[in-house]
Amino acid sequence: MKFRPGRIVLSCLAIISLLHATGCTRTGAFIAAVPGFFDDVTRHADIQFDAANKLSLDVYTPNEPTKTLKPVVVFFYGGNWRTGDKNLYKFVGDRLAAMGHVVVIADYRKYPFVRFPEFMNDAASAVKWVTQNGQTFGGDPNRIILVGHSAGAHIGAMLATDRQFLTSVGVDPGVIKGFAGLAGPYAFVPDTAELVEVFGRGPDYASMQVPTFITGREPPMLLLYGLNDSVVHITNLEKLRDAVLARQGQVDVRLYKNVDHVRIVTALTWVYKRSAPVIDDLRQFFERVS
């Protein structure tokens, strides 16, 4: 089995583990976000970008004054396409904005209320909002970097490669300057009843697998993976990497020892930042593509 969704937990579980707890709670999210109170970052919360579906996003902006527009990082969280909340990822917004970027974290609809590709349309709508409103927050609408963890990495990678989602909402895919994925299930085959419900019944799942859409013209990619990951198999990364290289595209890979599916994203927090150089690898990638 390549993808074990039943074992997925939200990123804040790694923070809770510090307290020997077993569930994702607001307390854990608070602990992860504590350093954000000291970062020179402002959070603009609960901005509605899809009134019909009651979807909102948060924008994180560095407080340092500048005369130039900053690249915009759009982050999609994971949760097996059925759970998750942007409010649990303040630590991501704070950390990435502290690097000097405008950061957007958007909610999207989830199973069982929607199925593929509806949540992809939500993600595309969030990017459209950035192109129309990002400049208000000091962001450059023509320099967008997509980042995602787990199911969110799948969503971000699909946006970066399957051009139909952005073009369907009137966005030029060329505004996407890079994609960074943390432990993404890019090429898995649904193998549980629930995932079959999310993505439909086969036998052909090519339309939801990222390598299907690789042409070599997609934006540069950075694929990050923890070698202790027991949720998403490394073959997902390998298949995407090989597809990009076969078409002379741009892809870099970073593999981290002793890092699992959750720790790879909580390495962005003050608690676990020494677990892996995720922050440094993302910073270097952002600088290169933006």
Protein backbone atom coordinates (compact mmCIF):
# COMPACT_ATOMS: atom_id res chain seq x y z
CA MET A 1 0.00 0.00 0.00
CA LYS A 2 1.43 3.34 -1.05
CA PHE A 3 -0.76 5.75 0.90
CA ARG A 4 -2.25 5.13 4.34
CA PRO A 5 -4.75 7.92 5.00
CA GLY A 6 -6.06 6.38 8.19
CA ARG A 7 -2.76 7.22 9.86
CA ILE A 8 -2.71 10.87 8.83
CA VAL A 9 -2.86 13.41 11.64
CA LEU A 10 -2.80 17.17 11.44
CA SER A 11 0.53 18.84 11.85
CA CYS A 12 -0.27 20.14 15.30
CA LEU A 13 -0.21 16.58 16.67
CA ALA A 14 3.57 16.74 16.77
CA ILE A 15 3.31 19.76 19.04
CA ILE A 16 0.83 17.99 21.27
CA SER A 17 3.18 15.02 21.52
CA LEU A 18 5.44 17.28 23.55
CA LEU A 19 2.72 17.14 26.22
CA HIS A 20 2.19 13.39 25.68
CA ALA A 21 -1.27 13.94 24.29
CA THR A 22 -2.92 11.98 21.52
CA GLY A 23 -5.26 14.40 19.75
CA CYS A 24 -5.08 17.65 17.88
CA THR A 25 -6.34 20.46 20.08
CA ARG A 26 -6.40 24.23 20.11
CA THR A 27 -3.88 24.06 22.95
CA GLY A 28 -1.39 22.38 20.64
CA ALA A 29 -1.96 24.94 17.95
CA PHE A 30 -1.45 27.70 20.52
CA ILE A 31 1.87 26.22 21.63
CA ALA A 32 3.05 26.03 18.02
CA ALA A 33 2.01 29.60 17.43
CA VAL A 34 3.57 31.15 20.55
CA PRO A 35 6.67 32.48 18.74
CA GLY A 36 4.34 34.22 16.30
CA PHE A 37 3.48 36.69 19.02
CA PHE A 38 7.10 37.81 18.91
CA ASP A 39 7.64 37.70 15.15
CA ASP A 40 7.38 40.99 13.32
CA VAL A 41 4.42 39.68 11.34
CA THR A 42 0.79 40.77 11.06
CA ARG A 43 -2.04 38.29 10.51
CA HIS A 44 -5.06 39.52 8.55
CA ALA A 45 -7.59 36.86 9.45
CA ASP A 46 -10.80 35.49 7.99
CA ILE A 47 -10.89 37.28 4.65
CA GLN A 48 -13.67 35.78 2.57
CA PHE A 49 -12.68 34.77 -0.95
CA ASP A 50 -15.67 32.59 -1.85
CA ALA A 51 -18.94 33.90 -0.48
CA ALA A 52 -21.06 31.15 -2.06
CA ASN A 53 -19.13 28.42 -0.24
CA LYS A 54 -18.28 30.50 2.84
CA LEU A 55 -14.54 30.05 2.36
CA SER A 56 -12.01 32.40 3.87
CA LEU A 57 -8.26 32.83 4.07
CA ASP A 58 -5.64 34.44 6.27
CA VAL A 59 -2.89 36.74 5.01
CA TYR A 60 0.40 37.07 6.90
CA THR A 61 2.55 40.08 6.13
CA PRO A 62 6.02 41.03 7.38
CA ASN A 63 5.94 44.38 9.14
CA GLU A 64 9.23 45.61 7.75
CA PRO A 65 8.65 48.60 5.43
CA THR A 66 9.53 48.10 1.78
CA LYS A 67 8.92 49.89 -1.49
CA THR A 68 8.89 46.71 -3.54
CA LEU A 69 6.20 44.07 -3.77
CA LYS A 70 7.03 40.76 -2.10
CA PRO A 71 6.52 37.26 -3.50
CA VAL A 72 3.34 35.59 -2.29
CA VAL A 73 3.48 32.11 -0.77
CA VAL A 74 0.17 30.25 -0.84
CA PHE A 75 0.13 27.33 1.61
CA PHE A 76 -2.33 24.42 1.48
CA TYR A 77 -2.57 22.27 4.61
CA GLY A 78 -3.13 18.53 4.71
CA GLY A 79 -5.68 16.33 6.45
CA ASN A 80 -6.61 13.54 4.02
CA TRP A 81 -8.88 15.89 2.03
CA ARG A 82 -11.41 15.59 4.85
CA THR A 83 -10.06 17.54 7.83
CA GLY A 84 -8.04 20.66 8.53
CA ASP A 85 -8.45 24.32 9.39
CA LYS A 86 -6.32 27.32 8.46
CA ASN A 87 -6.38 28.47 12.08
CA LEU A 88 -4.21 25.51 13.08
CA TYR A 89 -1.42 26.67 10.80
CA LYS A 90 -0.60 30.06 12.18
CA PHE A 91 2.90 28.79 12.90
CA VAL A 92 3.37 28.22 9.15
CA GLY A 93 2.12 31.67 8.24
CA ASP A 94 4.32 33.34 10.86
CA ARG A 95 7.44 31.43 9.88
CA LEU A 96 7.14 31.92 6.13
CA ALA A 97 6.18 35.59 6.46
CA ALA A 98 9.16 36.13 8.76
CA MET A 99 11.30 35.14 5.76
CA GLY A 100 10.07 38.29 4.03
CA HIS A 101 7.12 36.99 2.02
CA VAL A 102 3.41 37.64 1.99
CA VAL A 103 1.77 34.35 3.00
CA VAL A 104 -1.77 33.18 2.30
CA ILE A 105 -3.36 30.17 4.00
CA ALA A 106 -6.77 29.33 2.59
CA ASP A 107 -9.47 26.91 3.66
CA TYR A 108 -11.05 24.60 1.10
CA ARG A 109 -14.07 22.32 1.10
CA LYS A 110 -13.52 18.70 2.06
CA TYR A 111 -15.01 15.24 1.87
CA PRO A 112 -17.81 14.22 2.43
CA PHE A 113 -19.23 17.59 1.41
CA VAL A 114 -17.26 17.64 -1.85
CA ARG A 115 -15.11 15.29 -3.87
CA PHE A 116 -12.33 15.66 -6.40
CA PRO A 117 -12.03 18.01 -8.22
CA GLU A 118 -14.22 20.44 -6.24
CA PHE A 119 -11.55 21.17 -3.64
CA MET A 120 -9.15 21.87 -6.50
CA ASN A 121 -11.53 24.54 -7.73
CA ASP A 122 -11.51 26.08 -4.23
CA ALA A 123 -7.70 26.17 -4.27
CA ALA A 124 -7.73 27.81 -7.69
CA SER A 125 -10.18 30.40 -6.43
CA ALA A 126 -7.83 31.23 -3.56
CA VAL A 127 -5.01 31.81 -6.05
CA LYS A 128 -7.34 33.99 -8.12
CA TRP A 129 -8.02 36.08 -5.01
CA VAL A 130 -4.27 36.54 -4.59
CA THR A 131 -3.88 37.78 -8.16
CA GLN A 132 -6.67 40.29 -7.60
CA ASN A 133 -5.96 41.39 -4.02
CA GLY A 134 -2.42 40.41 -3.11
CA GLN A 135 -1.00 43.81 -3.99
CA THR A 136 -3.17 45.40 -1.29
CA PHE A 137 -1.07 43.49 1.24
CA GLY A 138 2.26 44.22 -0.44
CA GLY A 139 2.33 41.03 -2.47
CA ASP A 140 3.31 40.66 -6.10
CA PRO A 141 0.40 38.97 -7.91
CA ASN A 142 2.77 37.86 -10.66
CA ARG A 143 5.14 36.01 -8.30
CA ILE A 144 3.25 33.26 -6.51
CA ILE A 145 4.85 30.20 -4.92
CA LEU A 146 2.66 27.26 -3.98
CA VAL A 147 3.52 25.22 -0.88
CA GLY A 148 1.65 22.29 0.62
CA HIS A 149 1.89 19.48 3.13
CA SER A 150 0.45 15.99 2.59
CA ALA A 151 -2.96 16.30 0.89
CA GLY A 152 -2.21 20.01 0.57
CA ALA A 153 0.98 19.16 -1.33
CA HIS A 154 -1.13 17.10 -3.72
CA ILE A 155 -3.46 20.08 -4.20
CA GLY A 156 -0.58 22.51 -4.75
CA ALA A 157 1.18 20.19 -7.18
CA MET A 158 -2.00 19.68 -9.19
CA LEU A 159 -2.46 23.45 -9.44
CA ALA A 160 1.13 23.83 -10.60
CA THR A 161 0.88 21.16 -13.29
CA ASP A 162 -2.71 20.72 -14.48
CA ARG A 163 -3.31 24.12 -16.04
CA GLN A 164 -7.08 23.67 -16.35
CA PHE A 165 -7.77 24.60 -12.74
CA LEU A 166 -6.21 28.06 -12.90
CA THR A 167 -7.30 28.85 -16.45
CA SER A 168 -10.89 27.93 -15.55
CA VAL A 169 -10.96 30.83 -13.06
CA GLY A 170 -9.19 33.23 -15.41
CA VAL A 171 -5.69 32.98 -13.92
CA ASP A 172 -2.59 32.75 -16.08
CA PRO A 173 -0.67 29.67 -14.82
CA GLY A 174 2.52 31.61 -15.54
CA VAL A 175 2.09 33.56 -12.30
CA ILE A 176 3.11 30.39 -10.43
CA LYS A 177 6.87 30.64 -10.07
CA GLY A 178 7.49 27.53 -7.99
CA PHE A 179 6.03 24.66 -6.01
CA ALA A 180 7.37 23.17 -2.77
CA GLY A 181 5.78 19.99 -1.49
CA LEU A 182 6.19 18.43 1.95
CA ALA A 183 5.39 14.70 1.98
CA GLY A 184 2.93 14.84 -0.89
CA PRO A 185 0.95 11.83 -2.20
CA TYR A 186 1.52 12.84 -5.80
CA ALA A 187 1.02 9.51 -7.56
CA PHE A 188 -0.95 7.20 -5.29
CA VAL A 189 -3.89 5.02 -6.24
CA PRO A 190 -6.94 5.27 -3.94
CA ASP A 191 -7.00 2.03 -1.99
CA THR A 192 -9.65 2.56 0.68
CA ALA A 193 -13.38 2.90 0.38
CA GLU A 194 -13.22 6.50 1.56
CA LEU A 195 -10.52 7.53 -0.92
CA VAL A 196 -12.47 5.86 -3.72
CA GLU A 197 -15.38 8.05 -2.68
CA VAL A 198 -13.15 11.14 -2.73
CA PHE A 199 -11.53 10.50 -6.11
CA GLY A 200 -14.04 8.29 -7.88
CA ARG A 201 -13.81 4.71 -9.04
CA GLY A 202 -11.01 3.64 -11.36
CA PRO A 203 -9.62 1.90 -13.16
CA ASP A 204 -7.89 5.00 -14.49
CA TYR A 205 -6.80 7.48 -11.83
CA ALA A 206 -4.50 9.46 -14.13
CA SER A 207 -6.58 12.62 -13.75
CA MET A 208 -5.70 12.91 -10.05
CA GLN A 209 -2.03 11.89 -10.31
CA VAL A 210 0.45 14.73 -10.70
CA PRO A 211 2.97 12.95 -13.00
CA THR A 212 0.22 12.71 -15.64
CA PHE A 213 0.52 16.45 -16.30
CA ILE A 214 4.28 16.88 -16.35
CA THR A 215 5.53 18.43 -19.59
CA GLY A 216 8.83 19.97 -18.52
CA ARG A 217 7.32 23.46 -18.68
CA GLU A 218 5.89 23.48 -15.16
CA PRO A 219 7.44 25.79 -12.55
CA PRO A 220 10.51 24.61 -10.58
CA MET A 221 9.73 22.14 -7.83
CA LEU A 222 11.22 21.36 -4.44
CA LEU A 223 10.11 18.01 -3.03
CA LEU A 224 10.75 17.44 0.69
CA TYR A 225 10.33 14.08 2.41
CA GLY A 226 11.06 12.51 5.78
CA LEU A 227 12.54 9.03 5.54
CA ASN A 228 10.54 7.89 8.61
CA ASP A 229 7.25 8.73 6.90
CA SER A 230 4.83 5.81 7.32
CA VAL A 231 1.83 7.62 5.84
CA VAL A 232 2.91 8.64 2.33
CA HIS A 233 5.33 6.30 0.58
CA ILE A 234 8.50 7.70 -0.99
CA THR A 235 7.48 6.27 -4.37
CA ASN A 236 5.13 9.26 -4.72
CA LEU A 237 8.13 11.60 -4.68
CA GLU A 238 10.19 9.32 -6.90
CA LYS A 239 7.52 9.04 -9.59
CA LEU A 240 7.03 12.80 -9.71
CA ARG A 241 10.77 13.49 -9.67
CA ASP A 242 11.42 10.98 -12.44
CA ALA A 243 8.62 12.38 -14.59
CA VAL A 244 10.01 15.91 -14.30
CA LEU A 245 13.59 14.84 -15.03
CA ALA A 246 12.50 12.74 -18.00
CA ARG A 247 11.09 15.90 -19.57
CA GLN A 248 14.04 18.10 -18.65
CA GLY A 249 12.07 20.02 -16.04
CA GLN A 250 13.40 21.56 -12.82
CA VAL A 251 13.12 19.59 -9.60
CA ASP A 252 15.16 19.38 -6.41
CA VAL A 253 14.71 16.77 -3.69
CA ARG A 254 15.55 16.94 0.01
CA LEU A 255 15.36 13.79 2.13
CA TYR A 256 15.51 14.04 5.92
CA LYS A 257 16.62 11.26 8.25
CA ASN A 258 14.61 10.57 11.41
CA VAL A 259 11.72 12.76 10.22
CA ASP A 260 8.17 11.47 9.82
CA HIS A 261 5.03 12.66 8.09
CA VAL A 262 4.10 15.19 10.75
CA ARG A 263 7.53 16.31 11.88
CA ILE A 264 8.40 17.56 8.39
CA VAL A 265 5.89 20.40 8.72
CA THR A 266 6.33 21.01 12.43
CA ALA A 267 10.01 21.58 11.66
CA LEU A 268 8.67 25.05 10.85
CA THR A 269 7.92 25.59 14.55
CA TRP A 270 10.21 26.73 17.32
CA VAL A 271 9.81 23.37 19.05
CA TYR A 272 11.05 21.15 16.23
CA LYS A 273 13.02 23.43 13.92
CA ARG A 274 16.19 21.45 14.62
CA SER A 275 14.58 18.24 13.39
CA ALA A 276 15.38 19.06 9.78
CA PRO A 277 16.56 22.10 7.79
CA VAL A 278 13.14 22.59 6.24
CA ILE A 279 13.19 26.33 6.92
CA ASP A 280 16.59 26.80 5.27
CA ASP A 281 15.69 24.62 2.28
CA LEU A 282 12.46 26.53 1.70
CA ARG A 283 14.21 29.88 2.09
CA GLN A 284 16.82 29.00 -0.51
CA PHE A 285 14.15 27.72 -2.89
CA PHE A 286 12.03 30.86 -2.48
CA GLU A 287 15.02 33.07 -3.15
CA ARG A 288 15.92 31.13 -6.27
CA VAL A 289 12.47 31.08 -7.90
CA SER A 290 11.23 34.51 -6.90
